[in-house]
């Protein structure tokens, strides 16, 4: 079994951060997508960045981010 260079990089980063949970490169990918959703990026933009051919695959990430109601939404001028 051969491991990719990015696997070694992720493992080294986890060791340096002294994380106690199991972490893989997929964990970083999921975290990246979640942060983009929280920052109100368009789902199609995230799909393209992650390289998904079908938006349904990208939609999996949406269940982890609570939807904002109109009351919670921020104006672009608030940023």
C-alpha atoms as a PDB file:
ATOM      1  CA  UNK A   1       0.000   0.000   0.000  1.00  0.00           C
ATOM      2  CA  UNK A   2       1.442   3.358  -0.997  1.00  0.00           C
ATOM      3  CA  UNK A   3       0.438   6.573   0.693  1.00  0.00           C
ATOM      4  CA  UNK A   4       0.150   9.881  -1.095  1.00  0.00           C
ATOM      5  CA  UNK A   5       2.350  12.854  -0.114  1.00  0.00           C
ATOM      6  CA  UNK A   6      -0.724  14.790   1.076  1.00  0.00           C
ATOM      7  CA  UNK A   7      -1.423  11.972   3.553  1.00  0.00           C
ATOM      8  CA  UNK A   8       2.004  12.487   5.100  1.00  0.00           C
ATOM      9  CA  UNK A   9       1.442  16.232   5.231  1.00  0.00           C
ATOM     10  CA  UNK A  10      -1.913  15.813   6.988  1.00  0.00           C
ATOM     11  CA  UNK A  11      -0.430  13.354   9.487  1.00  0.00           C
ATOM     12  CA  UNK A  12       2.447  15.712  10.243  1.00  0.00           C
ATOM     13  CA  UNK A  13       0.035  18.616  10.760  1.00  0.00           C
ATOM     14  CA  UNK A  14      -2.102  16.531  13.128  1.00  0.00           C
ATOM     15  CA  UNK A  15       0.974  15.527  15.120  1.00  0.00           C
ATOM     16  CA  UNK A  16       2.210  19.124  15.343  1.00  0.00           C
ATOM     17  CA  UNK A  17      -1.242  20.306  16.489  1.00  0.00           C
ATOM     18  CA  UNK A  18      -1.325  17.490  19.089  1.00  0.00           C
ATOM     19  CA  UNK A  19      -4.877  16.556  18.128  1.00  0.00           C
ATOM     20  CA  UNK A  20      -6.306  13.602  20.009  1.00  0.00           C
ATOM     21  CA  UNK A  21      -9.108  12.748  17.544  1.00  0.00           C
ATOM     22  CA  UNK A  22      -8.574  10.713  14.391  1.00  0.00           C
ATOM     23  CA  UNK A  23      -7.984  13.054  11.494  1.00  0.00           C
ATOM     24  CA  UNK A  24      -7.530  12.409   7.787  1.00  0.00           C
ATOM     25  CA  UNK A  25      -7.110  14.615   4.751  1.00  0.00           C
ATOM     26  CA  UNK A  26     -10.856  14.153   4.245  1.00  0.00           C
ATOM     27  CA  UNK A  27     -11.426  15.815   7.625  1.00  0.00           C
ATOM     28  CA  UNK A  28      -9.663  18.935   6.344  1.00  0.00           C
ATOM     29  CA  UNK A  29     -11.689  18.805   3.129  1.00  0.00           C
ATOM     30  CA  UNK A  30     -14.959  18.549   5.075  1.00  0.00           C
ATOM     31  CA  UNK A  31     -13.903  21.393   7.374  1.00  0.00           C
ATOM     32  CA  UNK A  32     -13.027  23.567   4.369  1.00  0.00           C
ATOM     33  CA  UNK A  33     -16.449  22.982   2.776  1.00  0.00           C
ATOM     34  CA  UNK A  34     -18.243  23.651   6.062  1.00  0.00           C
ATOM     35  CA  UNK A  35     -16.403  26.931   6.592  1.00  0.00           C
ATOM     36  CA  UNK A  36     -17.275  28.051   3.066  1.00  0.00           C
ATOM     37  CA  UNK A  37     -20.947  27.308   3.706  1.00  0.00           C
ATOM     38  CA  UNK A  38     -20.835  29.222   6.982  1.00  0.00           C
ATOM     39  CA  UNK A  39     -19.321  32.157   5.094  1.00  0.00           C
ATOM     40  CA  UNK A  40     -22.351  32.041   2.748  1.00  0.00           C
ATOM     41  CA  UNK A  41     -20.477  30.874  -0.348  1.00  0.00           C
ATOM     42  CA  UNK A  42     -22.693  29.630  -3.152  1.00  0.00           C
ATOM     43  CA  UNK A  43     -23.123  25.841  -3.265  1.00  0.00           C
ATOM     44  CA  UNK A  44     -22.050  25.796  -6.934  1.00  0.00           C
ATOM     45  CA  UNK A  45     -18.802  27.587  -6.068  1.00  0.00           C
ATOM     46  CA  UNK A  46     -18.084  25.026  -3.356  1.00  0.00           C
ATOM     47  CA  UNK A  47     -18.931  22.222  -5.795  1.00  0.00           C
ATOM     48  CA  UNK A  48     -16.359  23.548  -8.237  1.00  0.00           C
ATOM     49  CA  UNK A  49     -13.686  24.045  -5.576  1.00  0.00           C
ATOM     50  CA  UNK A  50     -14.130  20.488  -4.298  1.00  0.00           C
ATOM     51  CA  UNK A  51     -14.221  19.034  -7.802  1.00  0.00           C
ATOM     52  CA  UNK A  52     -17.614  17.365  -7.449  1.00  0.00           C
ATOM     53  CA  UNK A  53     -19.299  16.507 -10.733  1.00  0.00           C
ATOM     54  CA  UNK A  54     -22.761  16.397  -9.142  1.00  0.00           C
ATOM     55  CA  UNK A  55     -24.116  19.065  -6.798  1.00  0.00           C
ATOM     56  CA  UNK A  56     -25.831  16.308  -4.779  1.00  0.00           C
ATOM     57  CA  UNK A  57     -22.413  15.265  -3.522  1.00  0.00           C
ATOM     58  CA  UNK A  58     -21.706  18.804  -2.350  1.00  0.00           C
ATOM     59  CA  UNK A  59     -25.136  19.065  -0.718  1.00  0.00           C
ATOM     60  CA  UNK A  60     -24.015  16.445   1.829  1.00  0.00           C
ATOM     61  CA  UNK A  61     -22.126  19.220   3.608  1.00  0.00           C
ATOM     62  CA  UNK A  62     -25.227  21.370   4.051  1.00  0.00           C
ATOM     63  CA  UNK A  63     -26.652  19.220   6.854  1.00  0.00           C
ATOM     64  CA  UNK A  64     -23.801  20.270   9.143  1.00  0.00           C
ATOM     65  CA  UNK A  65     -24.457  24.003   8.852  1.00  0.00           C
ATOM     66  CA  UNK A  66     -27.529  25.481  10.529  1.00  0.00           C
ATOM     67  CA  UNK A  67     -29.610  27.598   8.183  1.00  0.00           C
ATOM     68  CA  UNK A  68     -29.951  31.259   9.040  1.00  0.00           C
ATOM     69  CA  UNK A  69     -33.314  32.848   9.441  1.00  0.00           C
ATOM     70  CA  UNK A  70     -34.015  36.323   8.162  1.00  0.00           C
ATOM     71  CA  UNK A  71     -33.578  37.617  11.719  1.00  0.00           C
ATOM     72  CA  UNK A  72     -30.079  36.116  11.968  1.00  0.00           C
ATOM     73  CA  UNK A  73     -28.902  37.123   8.510  1.00  0.00           C
ATOM     74  CA  UNK A  74     -26.295  39.867   8.417  1.00  0.00           C
ATOM     75  CA  UNK A  75     -26.226  42.758   6.026  1.00  0.00           C
ATOM     76  CA  UNK A  76     -23.176  42.905   3.733  1.00  0.00           C
ATOM     77  CA  UNK A  77     -22.503  46.296   5.321  1.00  0.00           C
ATOM     78  CA  UNK A  78     -22.032  44.593   8.726  1.00  0.00           C
ATOM     79  CA  UNK A  79     -18.911  42.726   7.608  1.00  0.00           C
END
